[in-house]
PDB file of N, CA and C in Angstrom:
ATOM      1  N   LYS A   1     116.078  68.219  62.178  1.00  0.00           N
ATOM      2  CA  LYS A   1     117.384  68.663  61.721  1.00  0.00           C
ATOM      3  C   LYS A   1     117.782  69.995  62.341  1.00  0.00           C
ATOM      4  N   ILE A   2     117.044  70.452  63.322  1.00  0.00           N
ATOM      5  CA  ILE A   2     117.335  71.745  63.927  1.00  0.00           C
ATOM      6  C   ILE A   2     118.568  71.618  64.815  1.00  0.00           C
ATOM      7  N   PRO A   3     119.593  72.439  64.560  1.00  0.00           N
ATOM      8  CA  PRO A   3     120.813  72.327  65.368  1.00  0.00           C
ATOM      9  C   PRO A   3     120.582  72.826  66.789  1.00  0.00           C
ATOM     10  N   VAL A   4     121.220  72.161  67.741  1.00  0.00           N
ATOM     11  CA  VAL A   4     121.148  72.537  69.149  1.00  0.00           C
ATOM     12  C   VAL A   4     122.572  72.849  69.611  1.00  0.00           C
ATOM     13  N   GLU A   5     122.719  73.935  70.331  1.00  0.00           N
ATOM     14  CA  GLU A   5     124.030  74.324  70.856  1.00  0.00           C
ATOM     15  C   GLU A   5     124.646  73.162  71.626  1.00  0.00           C
ATOM     16  N   LYS A   6     125.880  72.837  71.289  1.00  0.00           N
ATOM     17  CA  LYS A   6     126.558  71.682  71.894  1.00  0.00           C
ATOM     18  C   LYS A   6     126.619  71.774  73.418  1.00  0.00           C
ATOM     19  N   LYS A   7     126.804  72.962  73.953  1.00  0.00           N
ATOM     20  CA  LYS A   7     126.896  73.132  75.402  1.00  0.00           C
ATOM     21  C   LYS A   7     125.587  72.760  76.102  1.00  0.00           C
ATOM     22  N   LEU A   8     124.458  72.916  75.428  1.00  0.00           N
ATOM     23  CA  LEU A   8     123.170  72.564  76.026  1.00  0.00           C
ATOM     24  C   LEU A   8     123.026  71.063  76.227  1.00  0.00           C
ATOM     25  N   LYS A   9     123.657  70.290  75.379  1.00  0.00           N
ATOM     26  CA  LYS A   9     123.541  68.835  75.479  1.00  0.00           C
ATOM     27  C   LYS A   9     124.120  68.315  76.792  1.00  0.00           C
ATOM     28  N   GLY A  10     125.016  69.064  77.414  1.00  0.00           N
ATOM     29  CA  GLY A  10     125.586  68.676  78.696  1.00  0.00           C
ATOM     30  C   GLY A  10     124.635  68.875  79.869  1.00  0.00           C
ATOM     31  N   LEU A  11     123.481  69.499  79.644  1.00  0.00           N
ATOM     32  CA  LEU A  11     122.522  69.754  80.712  1.00  0.00           C
ATOM     33  C   LEU A  11     121.638  68.551  81.030  1.00  0.00           C
ATOM     34  N   LYS A  12     121.766  67.493  80.263  1.00  0.00           N
ATOM     35  CA  LYS A  12     120.985  66.274  80.461  1.00  0.00           C
ATOM     36  C   LYS A  12     119.477  66.535  80.443  1.00  0.00           C
ATOM     37  N   LEU A  13     119.058  67.331  79.481  1.00  0.00           N
ATOM     38  CA  LEU A  13     117.637  67.604  79.269  1.00  0.00           C
ATOM     39  C   LEU A  13     117.077  66.622  78.264  1.00  0.00           C
ATOM     40  N   SER A  14     115.767  66.475  78.267  1.00  0.00           N
ATOM     41  CA  SER A  14     115.126  65.599  77.285  1.00  0.00           C
ATOM     42  C   SER A  14     115.262  66.221  75.895  1.00  0.00           C
ATOM     43  N   ALA A  15     115.065  65.416  74.874  1.00  0.00           N
ATOM     44  CA  ALA A  15     115.126  65.907  73.493  1.00  0.00           C
ATOM     45  C   ALA A  15     114.089  66.997  73.269  1.00  0.00           C
ATOM     46  N   ASP A  16     112.905  66.852  73.859  1.00  0.00           N
ATOM     47  CA  ASP A  16     111.862  67.882  73.719  1.00  0.00           C
ATOM     48  C   ASP A  16     112.278  69.194  74.374  1.00  0.00           C
ATOM     49  N   ASP A  17     112.920  69.114  75.543  1.00  0.00           N
ATOM     50  CA  ASP A  17     113.373  70.329  76.220  1.00  0.00           C
ATOM     51  C   ASP A  17     114.492  71.013  75.440  1.00  0.00           C
ATOM     52  N   LEU A  18     115.397  70.237  74.880  1.00  0.00           N
ATOM     53  CA  LEU A  18     116.468  70.813  74.058  1.00  0.00           C
ATOM     54  C   LEU A  18     115.892  71.513  72.832  1.00  0.00           C
ATOM     55  N   LEU A  19     114.906  70.886  72.203  1.00  0.00           N
ATOM     56  CA  LEU A  19     114.263  71.494  71.037  1.00  0.00           C
ATOM     57  C   LEU A  19     113.554  72.781  71.434  1.00  0.00           C
ATOM     58  N   ALA A  20     112.864  72.776  72.568  1.00  0.00           N
ATOM     59  CA  ALA A  20     112.170  73.980  73.028  1.00  0.00           C
ATOM     60  C   ALA A  20     113.149  75.121  73.254  1.00  0.00           C
ATOM     61  N   LEU A  21     114.304  74.832  73.838  1.00  0.00           N
ATOM     62  CA  LEU A  21     115.320  75.867  74.030  1.00  0.00           C
ATOM     63  C   LEU A  21     115.851  76.381  72.693  1.00  0.00           C
ATOM     64  N   ALA A  22     116.090  75.476  71.763  1.00  0.00           N
ATOM     65  CA  ALA A  22     116.605  75.874  70.443  1.00  0.00           C
ATOM     66  C   ALA A  22     115.595  76.724  69.688  1.00  0.00           C
ATOM     67  N   MET A  23     114.319  76.412  69.830  1.00  0.00           N
ATOM     68  CA  MET A  23     113.288  77.115  69.072  1.00  0.00           C
ATOM     69  C   MET A  23     112.830  78.422  69.724  1.00  0.00           C
ATOM     70  N   ASN A  24     112.831  78.491  71.033  1.00  0.00           N
ATOM     71  CA  ASN A  24     112.141  79.596  71.696  1.00  0.00           C
ATOM     72  C   ASN A  24     112.951  80.362  72.737  1.00  0.00           C
ATOM     73  N   GLY A  25     114.100  79.897  73.111  1.00  0.00           N
ATOM     74  CA  GLY A  25     114.761  80.515  74.249  1.00  0.00           C
ATOM     75  C   GLY A  25     115.989  81.316  73.898  1.00  0.00           C
ATOM     76  N   GLY A  26     116.387  82.136  74.829  1.00  0.00           N
ATOM     77  CA  GLY A  26     117.690  82.774  74.802  1.00  0.00           C
ATOM     78  C   GLY A  26     117.885  83.920  73.848  1.00  0.00           C
ATOM     79  N   GLU A  27     119.109  84.350  73.833  1.00  0.00           N
ATOM     80  CA  GLU A  27     119.531  85.493  73.040  1.00  0.00           C
ATOM     81  C   GLU A  27     120.130  85.087  71.698  1.00  0.00           C
ATOM     82  N   ASP A  28     120.404  83.803  71.537  1.00  0.00           N
ATOM     83  CA  ASP A  28     121.044  83.352  70.310  1.00  0.00           C
ATOM     84  C   ASP A  28     120.062  83.389  69.149  1.00  0.00           C
ATOM     85  N   TYR A  29     120.578  83.603  67.972  1.00  0.00           N
ATOM     86  CA  TYR A  29     119.743  83.595  66.784  1.00  0.00           C
ATOM     87  C   TYR A  29     120.571  83.132  65.603  1.00  0.00           C
ATOM     88  N   VAL A  30     119.893  82.718  64.564  1.00  0.00           N
ATOM     89  CA  VAL A  30     120.543  82.364  63.316  1.00  0.00           C
ATOM     90  C   VAL A  30     119.704  82.923  62.172  1.00  0.00           C
ATOM     91  N   LEU A  31     120.333  83.052  61.048  1.00  0.00           N
ATOM     92  CA  LEU A  31     119.643  83.518  59.855  1.00  0.00           C
ATOM     93  C   LEU A  31     118.940  82.331  59.206  1.00  0.00           C
ATOM     94  N   LEU A  32     117.681  82.497  58.911  1.00  0.00           N
ATOM     95  CA  LEU A  32     116.884  81.452  58.282  1.00  0.00           C
ATOM     96  C   LEU A  32     116.488  81.931  56.891  1.00  0.00           C
ATOM     97  N   PHE A  33     116.694  81.094  55.876  1.00  0.00           N
ATOM     98  CA  PHE A  33     116.324  81.474  54.520  1.00  0.00           C
ATOM     99  C   PHE A  33     115.882  80.246  53.749  1.00  0.00           C
ATOM    100  N   THR A  34     115.232  80.474  52.637  1.00  0.00           N
ATOM    101  CA  THR A  34     114.818  79.382  51.761  1.00  0.00           C
ATOM    102  C   THR A  34     115.624  79.447  50.473  1.00  0.00           C
ATOM    103  N   ALA A  35     115.764  78.303  49.827  1.00  0.00           N
ATOM    104  CA  ALA A  35     116.467  78.235  48.551  1.00  0.00           C
ATOM    105  C   ALA A  35     115.837  77.136  47.705  1.00  0.00           C
ATOM    106  N   ASP A  36     115.816  77.338  46.430  1.00  0.00           N
ATOM    107  CA  ASP A  36     115.302  76.357  45.495  1.00  0.00           C
ATOM    108  C   ASP A  36     116.187  75.110  45.533  1.00  0.00           C
ATOM    109  N   LYS A  37     115.574  73.937  45.672  1.00  0.00           N
ATOM    110  CA  LYS A  37     116.345  72.688  45.741  1.00  0.00           C
ATOM    111  C   LYS A  37     117.245  72.496  44.521  1.00  0.00           C
ATOM    112  N   LYS A  38     116.806  72.971  43.373  1.00  0.00           N
ATOM    113  CA  LYS A  38     117.602  72.822  42.154  1.00  0.00           C
ATOM    114  C   LYS A  38     118.879  73.672  42.194  1.00  0.00           C
ATOM    115  N   LYS A  39     118.869  74.728  43.006  1.00  0.00           N
ATOM    116  CA  LYS A  39     120.025  75.631  43.066  1.00  0.00           C
ATOM    117  C   LYS A  39     120.880  75.407  44.313  1.00  0.00           C
ATOM    118  N   ILE A  40     120.449  74.534  45.191  1.00  0.00           N
ATOM    119  CA  ILE A  40     121.177  74.272  46.441  1.00  0.00           C
ATOM    120  C   ILE A  40     122.615  73.845  46.158  1.00  0.00           C
ATOM    121  N   SER A  41     122.828  73.065  45.125  1.00  0.00           N
ATOM    122  CA  SER A  41     124.169  72.552  44.838  1.00  0.00           C
ATOM    123  C   SER A  41     125.157  73.675  44.513  1.00  0.00           C
ATOM    124  N   THR A  42     124.662  74.859  44.165  1.00  0.00           N
ATOM    125  CA  THR A  42     125.557  75.972  43.849  1.00  0.00           C
ATOM    126  C   THR A  42     125.992  76.734  45.099  1.00  0.00           C
ATOM    127  N   LEU A  43     125.399  76.415  46.247  1.00  0.00           N
ATOM    128  CA  LEU A  43     125.739  77.109  47.489  1.00  0.00           C
ATOM    129  C   LEU A  43     126.858  76.378  48.222  1.00  0.00           C
ATOM    130  N   ASN A  44     127.659  77.128  48.965  1.00  0.00           N
ATOM    131  CA  ASN A  44     128.661  76.533  49.840  1.00  0.00           C
ATOM    132  C   ASN A  44     127.943  76.181  51.143  1.00  0.00           C
ATOM    133  N   LEU A  45     127.508  74.946  51.277  1.00  0.00           N
ATOM    134  CA  LEU A  45     126.675  74.555  52.403  1.00  0.00           C
ATOM    135  C   LEU A  45     127.454  74.165  53.648  1.00  0.00           C
ATOM    136  N   SER A  46     128.764  74.324  53.653  1.00  0.00           N
ATOM    137  CA  SER A  46     129.532  73.947  54.833  1.00  0.00           C
ATOM    138  C   SER A  46     129.193  74.821  56.034  1.00  0.00           C
ATOM    139  N   SER A  47     128.645  76.009  55.788  1.00  0.00           N
ATOM    140  CA  SER A  47     128.299  76.923  56.881  1.00  0.00           C
ATOM    141  C   SER A  47     126.804  76.941  57.188  1.00  0.00           C
ATOM    142  N   PHE A  48     126.030  76.083  56.540  1.00  0.00           N
ATOM    143  CA  PHE A  48     124.579  76.115  56.677  1.00  0.00           C
ATOM    144  C   PHE A  48     124.041  74.769  57.141  1.00  0.00           C
ATOM    145  N   PHE A  49     122.855  74.800  57.749  1.00  0.00           N
ATOM    146  CA  PHE A  49     122.136  73.593  58.131  1.00  0.00           C
ATOM    147  C   PHE A  49     120.816  73.573  57.380  1.00  0.00           C
ATOM    148  N   GLU A  50     120.507  72.478  56.735  1.00  0.00           N
ATOM    149  CA  GLU A  50     119.180  72.302  56.149  1.00  0.00           C
ATOM    150  C   GLU A  50     118.285  71.792  57.270  1.00  0.00           C
ATOM    151  N   ILE A  51     117.213  72.539  57.569  1.00  0.00           N
ATOM    152  CA  ILE A  51     116.352  72.144  58.687  1.00  0.00           C
ATOM    153  C   ILE A  51     114.976  71.677  58.250  1.00  0.00           C
ATOM    154  N   GLY A  52     114.639  71.841  56.995  1.00  0.00           N
ATOM    155  CA  GLY A  52     113.310  71.421  56.569  1.00  0.00           C
ATOM    156  C   GLY A  52     112.991  71.897  55.180  1.00  0.00           C
ATOM    157  N   GLU A  53     111.710  71.996  54.922  1.00  0.00           N
ATOM    158  CA  GLU A  53     111.263  72.417  53.599  1.00  0.00           C
ATOM    159  C   GLU A  53     109.977  73.208  53.704  1.00  0.00           C
ATOM    160  N   VAL A  54     109.745  74.050  52.712  1.00  0.00           N
ATOM    161  CA  VAL A  54     108.520  74.827  52.616  1.00  0.00           C
ATOM    162  C   VAL A  54     107.477  73.946  51.958  1.00  0.00           C
ATOM    163  N   THR A  55     106.272  73.934  52.536  1.00  0.00           N
ATOM    164  CA  THR A  55     105.176  73.129  51.986  1.00  0.00           C
ATOM    165  C   THR A  55     104.012  74.033  51.598  1.00  0.00           C
ATOM    166  N   ALA A  56     102.954  73.434  51.108  1.00  0.00           N
ATOM    167  CA  ALA A  56     101.759  74.180  50.716  1.00  0.00           C
ATOM    168  C   ALA A  56     100.882  74.545  51.909  1.00  0.00           C
ATOM    169  N   ASN A  57     101.247  74.124  53.109  1.00  0.00           N
ATOM    170  CA  ASN A  57     100.445  74.408  54.304  1.00  0.00           C
ATOM    171  C   ASN A  57     100.758  75.807  54.835  1.00  0.00           C
ATOM    172  N   VAL A  58     100.145  76.811  54.229  1.00  0.00           N
ATOM    173  CA  VAL A  58     100.405  78.208  54.560  1.00  0.00           C
ATOM    174  C   VAL A  58     100.033  78.490  56.015  1.00  0.00           C
ATOM    175  N   GLY A  59     100.961  79.119  56.736  1.00  0.00           N
ATOM    176  CA  GLY A  59     100.695  79.514  58.114  1.00  0.00           C
ATOM    177  C   GLY A  59     100.819  78.400  59.136  1.00  0.00           C
ATOM    178  N   VAL A  60     101.230  77.223  58.700  1.00  0.00           N
ATOM    179  CA  VAL A  60     101.359  76.089  59.605  1.00  0.00           C
ATOM    180  C   VAL A  60     102.828  75.699  59.708  1.00  0.00           C
ATOM    181  N   ILE A  61     103.301  75.549  60.934  1.00  0.00           N
ATOM    182  CA  ILE A  61     104.668  75.087  61.159  1.00  0.00           C
ATOM    183  C   ILE A  61     104.580  73.671  61.684  1.00  0.00           C
ATOM    184  N   GLU A  62     105.029  72.725  60.884  1.00  0.00           N
ATOM    185  CA  GLU A  62     104.967  71.317  61.262  1.00  0.00           C
ATOM    186  C   GLU A  62     106.358  70.823  61.619  1.00  0.00           C
ATOM    187  N   LEU A  63     106.424  70.049  62.667  1.00  0.00           N
ATOM    188  CA  LEU A  63     107.669  69.397  63.040  1.00  0.00           C
ATOM    189  C   LEU A  63     107.458  67.904  62.855  1.00  0.00           C
ATOM    190  N   ILE A  64     108.321  67.295  62.055  1.00  0.00           N
ATOM    191  CA  ILE A  64     108.254  65.856  61.840  1.00  0.00           C
ATOM    192  C   ILE A  64     109.548  65.269  62.375  1.00  0.00           C
ATOM    193  N   SER A  65     109.432  64.399  63.360  1.00  0.00           N
ATOM    194  CA  SER A  65     110.588  63.803  64.002  1.00  0.00           C
ATOM    195  C   SER A  65     110.282  62.346  64.301  1.00  0.00           C
ATOM    196  N   ASP A  66     111.164  61.463  63.849  1.00  0.00           N
ATOM    197  CA  ASP A  66     110.988  60.025  64.073  1.00  0.00           C
ATOM    198  C   ASP A  66     109.612  59.537  63.605  1.00  0.00           C
ATOM    199  N   GLY A  67     109.150  60.075  62.484  1.00  0.00           N
ATOM    200  CA  GLY A  67     107.872  59.657  61.916  1.00  0.00           C
ATOM    201  C   GLY A  67     106.656  60.252  62.596  1.00  0.00           C
ATOM    202  N   GLN A  68     106.859  61.029  63.643  1.00  0.00           N
ATOM    203  CA  GLN A  68     105.758  61.678  64.357  1.00  0.00           C
ATOM    204  C   GLN A  68     105.624  63.114  63.873  1.00  0.00           C
ATOM    205  N   GLN A  69     104.396  63.552  63.641  1.00  0.00           N
ATOM    206  CA  GLN A  69     104.147  64.912  63.167  1.00  0.00           C
ATOM    207  C   GLN A  69     103.393  65.684  64.239  1.00  0.00           C
ATOM    208  N   ARG A  70     103.817  66.934  64.468  1.00  0.00           N
ATOM    209  CA  ARG A  70     103.077  67.801  65.377  1.00  0.00           C
ATOM    210  C   ARG A  70     103.148  69.238  64.874  1.00  0.00           C
ATOM    211  N   ILE A  71     102.161  70.004  65.243  1.00  0.00           N
ATOM    212  CA  ILE A  71     102.089  71.405  64.862  1.00  0.00           C
ATOM    213  C   ILE A  71     102.791  72.220  65.936  1.00  0.00           C
ATOM    214  N   LEU A  72     103.678  73.107  65.527  1.00  0.00           N
ATOM    215  CA  LEU A  72     104.373  73.981  66.464  1.00  0.00           C
ATOM    216  C   LEU A  72     103.676  75.326  66.517  1.00  0.00           C
ATOM    217  N   GLU A  73     103.428  75.802  67.712  1.00  0.00           N
ATOM    218  CA  GLU A  73     102.860  77.132  67.915  1.00  0.00           C
ATOM    219  C   GLU A  73     104.011  78.103  68.136  1.00  0.00           C
ATOM    220  N   PRO A  74     103.986  79.272  67.479  1.00  0.00           N
ATOM    221  CA  PRO A  74     105.038  80.246  67.690  1.00  0.00           C
ATOM    222  C   PRO A  74     105.093  80.669  69.164  1.00  0.00           C
ATOM    223  N   LYS A  75     106.290  80.717  69.712  1.00  0.00           N
ATOM    224  CA  LYS A  75     106.502  81.157  71.098  1.00  0.00           C
ATOM    225  C   LYS A  75     107.721  82.058  71.127  1.00  0.00           C
ATOM    226  N   GLY A  76     108.084  82.504  72.299  1.00  0.00           N
ATOM    227  CA  GLY A  76     109.278  83.321  72.428  1.00  0.00           C
ATOM    228  C   GLY A  76     109.007  84.762  72.041  1.00  0.00           C
ATOM    229  N   TYR A  77     110.061  85.511  71.876  1.00  0.00           N
ATOM    230  CA  TYR A  77     109.967  86.934  71.576  1.00  0.00           C
ATOM    231  C   TYR A  77     109.472  87.146  70.154  1.00  0.00           C
ATOM    232  N   ARG A  78     108.522  88.051  70.003  1.00  0.00           N
ATOM    233  CA  ARG A  78     108.008  88.395  68.671  1.00  0.00           C
ATOM    234  C   ARG A  78     108.500  89.804  68.338  1.00  0.00           C
ATOM    235  N   HIS A  79     109.329  89.908  67.316  1.00  0.00           N
ATOM    236  CA  HIS A  79     109.949  91.184  66.963  1.00  0.00           C
ATOM    237  C   HIS A  79     108.955  92.181  66.389  1.00  0.00           C
ATOM    238  N   PHE A  80     107.983  91.696  65.669  1.00  0.00           N
ATOM    239  CA  PHE A  80     107.035  92.619  64.999  1.00  0.00           C
ATOM    240  C   PHE A  80     105.617  92.234  65.311  1.00  0.00           C
TER     241      PHE A  80
END
């Protein structure tokens, strides 16, 4: 559910390459936050994308796409 910049789709890259650019490349950024599912209905979600959920797997970033699961390693610029 990770959004990809519409202009990138015109580059005819594979889905994996588009995801890599969205996750690790460039100067673009978005605000990422968590919210309780019970309170989500109170938010104006027209400006937000739901990209996943927090699980009990502390320190692990899992990507599940088309029934396939893989572990994502942090890449790109590290601010801290």
